[in-house]
Amino acid sequence: RWRRRPQDLDGFAPLQRGLLRTAMESVRVGGIVGYATCSPHLAETRAVVDDVLKHGGGAELVDARPLLPGVPALGDGPDVQLWPHLHGTDAMYLALIRRTA
């Protein structure tokens, strides 16, 4: 993780979109997929989720904050981004996505 360069995002984001799309296609209607990554970069976090929601043919975000009771400063949700300076962790992201169609 410490050897990553900004240009690495160019390869990771498309890979992550593909993995998430495949997961969403594999879960039955009503099922939930958890998308998690240890990244602070929007290109690997919310942008991946937004792209899949926009082009995925029927999905919605589910509030992930209740899964982390007692963790402060989780933001407005429904997805969660943890930060080293706020949470004492590596940067981590979690989105829960329910297939609706």
C-alpha atoms as a PDB file:
ATOM      1  CA  ARG A   1       0.000   0.000   0.000  1.00  0.00           C
ATOM      2  CA  TRP A   2       2.851   2.414   0.617  1.00  0.00           C
ATOM      3  CA  ARG A   3       4.242   1.925  -2.881  1.00  0.00           C
ATOM      4  CA  ARG A   4       1.189   3.142  -4.746  1.00  0.00           C
ATOM      5  CA  ARG A   5       1.482   6.008  -7.184  1.00  0.00           C
ATOM      6  CA  PRO A   6      -1.281   8.347  -8.412  1.00  0.00           C
ATOM      7  CA  GLN A   7      -1.222   6.739 -11.852  1.00  0.00           C
ATOM      8  CA  ASP A   8      -2.071   3.371 -10.255  1.00  0.00           C
ATOM      9  CA  LEU A   9      -5.655   4.623  -9.919  1.00  0.00           C
ATOM     10  CA  ASP A  10      -6.009   4.472 -13.686  1.00  0.00           C
ATOM     11  CA  GLY A  11      -5.867   0.678 -13.498  1.00  0.00           C
ATOM     12  CA  PHE A  12      -7.551   0.039 -10.174  1.00  0.00           C
ATOM     13  CA  ALA A  13     -10.778   1.991 -10.654  1.00  0.00           C
ATOM     14  CA  PRO A  14     -11.885   0.125 -13.824  1.00  0.00           C
ATOM     15  CA  LEU A  15     -11.001  -3.184 -12.190  1.00  0.00           C
ATOM     16  CA  GLN A  16     -13.030  -2.292  -9.101  1.00  0.00           C
ATOM     17  CA  ARG A  17     -16.022  -1.211 -11.204  1.00  0.00           C
ATOM     18  CA  GLY A  18     -15.893  -4.524 -13.037  1.00  0.00           C
ATOM     19  CA  LEU A  19     -15.676  -6.524  -9.820  1.00  0.00           C
ATOM     20  CA  LEU A  20     -18.593  -4.638  -8.287  1.00  0.00           C
ATOM     21  CA  ARG A  21     -20.720  -5.007 -11.425  1.00  0.00           C
ATOM     22  CA  THR A  22     -20.063  -8.752 -11.442  1.00  0.00           C
ATOM     23  CA  ALA A  23     -20.991  -9.000  -7.770  1.00  0.00           C
ATOM     24  CA  MET A  24     -24.231  -7.103  -8.395  1.00  0.00           C
ATOM     25  CA  GLU A  25     -25.094  -9.383 -11.322  1.00  0.00           C
ATOM     26  CA  SER A  26     -24.412 -12.429  -9.155  1.00  0.00           C
ATOM     27  CA  VAL A  27     -26.646 -11.517  -6.220  1.00  0.00           C
ATOM     28  CA  ARG A  28     -30.372 -12.145  -6.454  1.00  0.00           C
ATOM     29  CA  VAL A  29     -32.909  -9.322  -6.394  1.00  0.00           C
ATOM     30  CA  GLY A  30     -33.185  -8.090  -2.808  1.00  0.00           C
ATOM     31  CA  GLY A  31     -29.662  -9.264  -1.986  1.00  0.00           C
ATOM     32  CA  ILE A  32     -27.016  -6.906  -0.658  1.00  0.00           C
ATOM     33  CA  VAL A  33     -23.407  -6.569  -1.786  1.00  0.00           C
ATOM     34  CA  GLY A  34     -20.833  -4.947   0.469  1.00  0.00           C
ATOM     35  CA  TYR A  35     -18.223  -2.933  -1.418  1.00  0.00           C
ATOM     36  CA  ALA A  36     -15.179  -2.231   0.730  1.00  0.00           C
ATOM     37  CA  THR A  37     -11.791  -0.833  -0.111  1.00  0.00           C
ATOM     38  CA  CYS A  38      -8.888   0.523   1.910  1.00  0.00           C
ATOM     39  CA  SER A  39      -8.542   3.694  -0.115  1.00  0.00           C
ATOM     40  CA  PRO A  40      -9.081   7.409   0.484  1.00  0.00           C
ATOM     41  CA  HIS A  41      -9.479   8.142  -3.239  1.00  0.00           C
ATOM     42  CA  LEU A  42     -12.916   8.991  -4.608  1.00  0.00           C
ATOM     43  CA  ALA A  43     -11.999   7.263  -7.870  1.00  0.00           C
ATOM     44  CA  GLU A  44     -11.827   3.964  -5.953  1.00  0.00           C
ATOM     45  CA  THR A  45     -14.672   4.584  -3.520  1.00  0.00           C
ATOM     46  CA  ARG A  46     -17.785   6.647  -4.187  1.00  0.00           C
ATOM     47  CA  ALA A  47     -17.103   7.062  -7.921  1.00  0.00           C
ATOM     48  CA  VAL A  48     -17.075   3.269  -8.378  1.00  0.00           C
ATOM     49  CA  VAL A  49     -20.345   2.913  -6.469  1.00  0.00           C
ATOM     50  CA  ASP A  50     -21.982   5.845  -8.281  1.00  0.00           C
ATOM     51  CA  ASP A  51     -21.017   4.367 -11.658  1.00  0.00           C
ATOM     52  CA  VAL A  52     -22.484   0.970 -10.787  1.00  0.00           C
ATOM     53  CA  LEU A  53     -25.669   2.571  -9.437  1.00  0.00           C
ATOM     54  CA  LYS A  54     -26.027   4.655 -12.595  1.00  0.00           C
ATOM     55  CA  HIS A  55     -25.369   1.846 -15.081  1.00  0.00           C
ATOM     56  CA  GLY A  56     -26.251  -1.232 -13.049  1.00  0.00           C
ATOM     57  CA  GLY A  57     -29.900  -1.599 -13.932  1.00  0.00           C
ATOM     58  CA  GLY A  58     -31.543  -1.478 -10.529  1.00  0.00           C
ATOM     59  CA  ALA A  59     -29.723  -0.948  -7.262  1.00  0.00           C
ATOM     60  CA  GLU A  60     -29.884   1.288  -4.207  1.00  0.00           C
ATOM     61  CA  LEU A  61     -27.586   2.193  -1.348  1.00  0.00           C
ATOM     62  CA  VAL A  62     -28.334   0.832   2.110  1.00  0.00           C
ATOM     63  CA  ASP A  63     -27.180   2.752   5.186  1.00  0.00           C
ATOM     64  CA  ALA A  64     -23.904   1.161   6.352  1.00  0.00           C
ATOM     65  CA  ARG A  65     -23.498   3.330   9.464  1.00  0.00           C
ATOM     66  CA  PRO A  66     -25.497   1.043  11.806  1.00  0.00           C
ATOM     67  CA  LEU A  67     -22.877  -1.664  11.215  1.00  0.00           C
ATOM     68  CA  LEU A  68     -20.312   0.497  13.020  1.00  0.00           C
ATOM     69  CA  PRO A  69     -21.926   1.377  16.354  1.00  0.00           C
ATOM     70  CA  GLY A  70     -19.747   3.488  18.567  1.00  0.00           C
ATOM     71  CA  VAL A  71     -17.544   4.721  15.723  1.00  0.00           C
ATOM     72  CA  PRO A  72     -17.648   8.534  15.769  1.00  0.00           C
ATOM     73  CA  ALA A  73     -17.845  10.934  12.836  1.00  0.00           C
ATOM     74  CA  LEU A  74     -19.293   8.572  10.230  1.00  0.00           C
ATOM     75  CA  GLY A  75     -20.706  11.400   8.167  1.00  0.00           C
ATOM     76  CA  ASP A  76     -24.102  11.702   6.524  1.00  0.00           C
ATOM     77  CA  GLY A  77     -24.064   8.206   4.995  1.00  0.00           C
ATOM     78  CA  PRO A  78     -25.339   6.001   3.664  1.00  0.00           C
ATOM     79  CA  ASP A  79     -21.796   4.915   2.813  1.00  0.00           C
ATOM     80  CA  VAL A  80     -18.905   5.158   5.285  1.00  0.00           C
ATOM     81  CA  GLN A  81     -15.377   6.531   4.833  1.00  0.00           C
ATOM     82  CA  LEU A  82     -12.974   5.994   7.718  1.00  0.00           C
ATOM     83  CA  TRP A  83      -9.942   8.258   8.058  1.00  0.00           C
ATOM     84  CA  PRO A  84      -6.638   7.803   9.919  1.00  0.00           C
ATOM     85  CA  HIS A  85      -6.851  11.199  11.644  1.00  0.00           C
ATOM     86  CA  LEU A  86     -10.465  10.696  12.793  1.00  0.00           C
ATOM     87  CA  HIS A  87     -10.803   6.982  13.401  1.00  0.00           C
ATOM     88  CA  GLY A  88      -7.277   5.725  14.110  1.00  0.00           C
ATOM     89  CA  THR A  89      -7.460   3.299  11.167  1.00  0.00           C
ATOM     90  CA  ASP A  90      -6.184   3.153   7.640  1.00  0.00           C
ATOM     91  CA  ALA A  91      -8.448   4.928   5.166  1.00  0.00           C
ATOM     92  CA  MET A  92     -11.325   2.509   4.558  1.00  0.00           C
ATOM     93  CA  TYR A  93     -14.571   2.753   2.631  1.00  0.00           C
ATOM     94  CA  LEU A  94     -17.778   0.716   2.878  1.00  0.00           C
ATOM     95  CA  ALA A  95     -20.944   0.857   0.803  1.00  0.00           C
ATOM     96  CA  LEU A  96     -23.866  -1.564   1.006  1.00  0.00           C
ATOM     97  CA  ILE A  97     -25.782  -1.928  -2.245  1.00  0.00           C
ATOM     98  CA  ARG A  98     -29.110  -3.733  -2.590  1.00  0.00           C
ATOM     99  CA  ARG A  99     -30.078  -5.155  -5.962  1.00  0.00           C
ATOM    100  CA  THR A 100     -33.603  -3.978  -6.775  1.00  0.00           C
ATOM    101  CA  ALA A 101     -34.096  -5.385 -10.286  1.00  0.00           C
END
